[in-house]
Amino acid sequence: MAYNNETVNRVRERLAMEENIEVEEKEMFSGLAFLVNGKMCINISHDNLMCRYNAELEDEVSTKNGFLPMIMKGKQLKGYCYVEPIGFQNPDDFEYWIKICLDYNPTAKASKKK
């Protein structure tokens, strides 16, 4: 699995600042996923973030610098995107992506346990 360790540490440190959440790290989606309270929240794949957020924000997030749509089976998957490093180098931009992922997490559906 290939992922940027500097970005992993940045996400890890930021999530550690949150109270009342349980964070689990798991290799998935060709990278390292951060599960918050048992649900995939944010992932680092190569140099990019993969974000999970409220699909109602799609128009807003698609205008952000570094945004790449997540395409699965030829269709855009709403509520998920990749963000290139240019889109989260700035601390305020990084915080934006982390915040929309954390804000959505309580209402996100959990994967079925195998």
Protein backbone atom coordinates (compact mmCIF):
# COMPACT_ATOMS: atom_id res chain seq x y z
CA MET A 1 0.00 0.00 0.00
CA ALA A 2 1.42 3.32 -1.04
CA TYR A 3 0.64 6.44 0.95
CA ASN A 4 2.43 9.58 2.00
CA ASN A 5 3.60 9.20 5.60
CA GLU A 6 3.79 12.97 6.14
CA THR A 7 0.11 13.30 5.22
CA VAL A 8 -0.76 10.28 7.38
CA ASN A 9 0.94 11.91 10.37
CA ARG A 10 -0.78 15.21 9.70
CA VAL A 11 -4.21 13.54 9.68
CA ARG A 12 -3.32 11.40 12.71
CA GLU A 13 -2.26 14.45 14.71
CA ARG A 14 -5.36 16.40 13.71
CA LEU A 15 -7.75 13.58 14.62
CA ALA A 16 -6.00 13.17 17.98
CA MET A 17 -7.19 16.69 18.82
CA GLU A 18 -10.84 15.58 18.68
CA GLU A 19 -12.63 14.58 21.84
CA ASN A 20 -15.09 11.69 22.15
CA ILE A 21 -14.12 9.86 18.99
CA GLU A 22 -12.52 6.49 18.49
CA VAL A 23 -10.03 6.33 15.62
CA GLU A 24 -8.88 3.14 13.94
CA GLU A 25 -6.32 3.00 11.14
CA LYS A 26 -6.83 0.36 8.48
CA GLU A 27 -5.19 -0.35 5.15
CA MET A 28 -7.88 -0.13 2.47
CA PHE A 29 -8.67 1.60 -0.84
CA SER A 30 -4.99 1.32 -1.84
CA GLY A 31 -4.00 3.47 1.12
CA LEU A 32 -4.46 4.04 4.83
CA ALA A 33 -7.99 4.76 6.02
CA PHE A 34 -8.93 6.49 9.24
CA LEU A 35 -12.14 5.04 10.61
CA VAL A 36 -13.88 7.29 13.11
CA ASN A 37 -16.30 5.53 15.43
CA GLY A 38 -16.25 2.51 13.15
CA LYS A 39 -16.92 4.36 9.88
CA MET A 40 -14.51 5.29 7.10
CA CYS A 41 -13.90 9.03 7.44
CA ILE A 42 -10.76 9.95 5.52
CA ASN A 43 -8.11 8.03 3.62
CA ILE A 44 -4.62 8.74 2.38
CA SER A 45 -3.93 7.17 -1.01
CA HIS A 46 -0.49 7.92 -2.47
CA ASP A 47 -0.21 11.71 -2.02
CA ASN A 48 -3.95 12.43 -2.05
CA LEU A 49 -6.63 12.61 0.59
CA MET A 50 -9.78 10.64 -0.07
CA CYS A 51 -12.64 12.36 1.70
CA ARG A 52 -16.10 11.16 2.68
CA TYR A 53 -18.59 13.99 3.21
CA ASN A 54 -22.25 14.91 2.93
CA ALA A 55 -23.20 14.59 -0.75
CA GLU A 56 -25.24 17.80 -0.41
CA LEU A 57 -21.88 19.63 -0.36
CA GLU A 58 -20.91 18.31 -3.81
CA ASP A 59 -21.33 21.65 -5.62
CA GLU A 60 -19.24 23.44 -2.97
CA VAL A 61 -16.40 20.92 -2.72
CA SER A 62 -16.12 20.51 -6.48
CA THR A 63 -14.94 24.13 -6.74
CA LYS A 64 -12.11 23.63 -4.23
CA ASN A 65 -8.51 23.61 -5.38
CA GLY A 66 -7.17 20.07 -5.76
CA PHE A 67 -10.62 18.42 -5.97
CA LEU A 68 -10.84 15.26 -8.06
CA PRO A 69 -14.12 13.39 -8.40
CA MET A 70 -14.18 9.78 -7.27
CA ILE A 71 -15.16 7.61 -10.22
CA MET A 72 -16.31 4.03 -9.68
CA LYS A 73 -17.56 1.82 -12.50
CA GLY A 74 -17.64 4.83 -14.80
CA LYS A 75 -19.82 6.98 -12.53
CA GLN A 76 -18.99 9.77 -10.12
CA LEU A 77 -19.54 8.68 -6.52
CA LYS A 78 -21.19 11.63 -4.77
CA GLY A 79 -20.03 12.27 -1.22
CA TYR A 80 -16.50 11.02 -1.92
CA CYS A 81 -13.58 12.73 -3.61
CA TYR A 82 -9.84 12.79 -3.86
CA VAL A 83 -7.93 15.95 -3.00
CA GLU A 84 -4.52 16.54 -4.50
CA PRO A 85 -1.82 17.97 -2.20
CA ILE A 86 -2.22 21.49 -3.66
CA GLY A 87 -5.71 21.46 -2.17
CA PHE A 88 -4.66 20.80 1.43
CA GLN A 89 -1.14 22.20 1.82
CA ASN A 90 -2.49 25.35 3.42
CA PRO A 91 -3.55 24.72 7.05
CA ASP A 92 -6.97 26.34 6.51
CA ASP A 93 -7.63 24.16 3.47
CA PHE A 94 -6.51 21.05 5.35
CA GLU A 95 -8.87 21.95 8.19
CA TYR A 96 -11.75 22.42 5.73
CA TRP A 97 -11.39 18.85 4.42
CA ILE A 98 -10.97 17.31 7.86
CA LYS A 99 -13.97 19.24 9.18
CA ILE A 100 -16.39 18.22 6.42
CA CYS A 101 -15.36 14.58 6.90
CA LEU A 102 -15.80 14.72 10.67
CA ASP A 103 -19.08 16.64 10.39
CA TYR A 104 -20.54 13.93 8.16
CA ASN A 105 -19.24 10.98 10.17
CA PRO A 106 -22.04 10.79 12.79
CA THR A 107 -24.70 10.43 10.07
CA ALA A 108 -22.67 8.31 7.63
CA LYS A 109 -23.72 4.73 7.15
CA ALA A 110 -21.40 2.11 8.59
CA SER A 111 -20.23 -0.76 6.41
CA LYS A 112 -21.80 -4.10 7.13
CA LYS A 113 -19.56 -6.30 9.25
CA LYS A 114 -18.30 -9.39 7.48
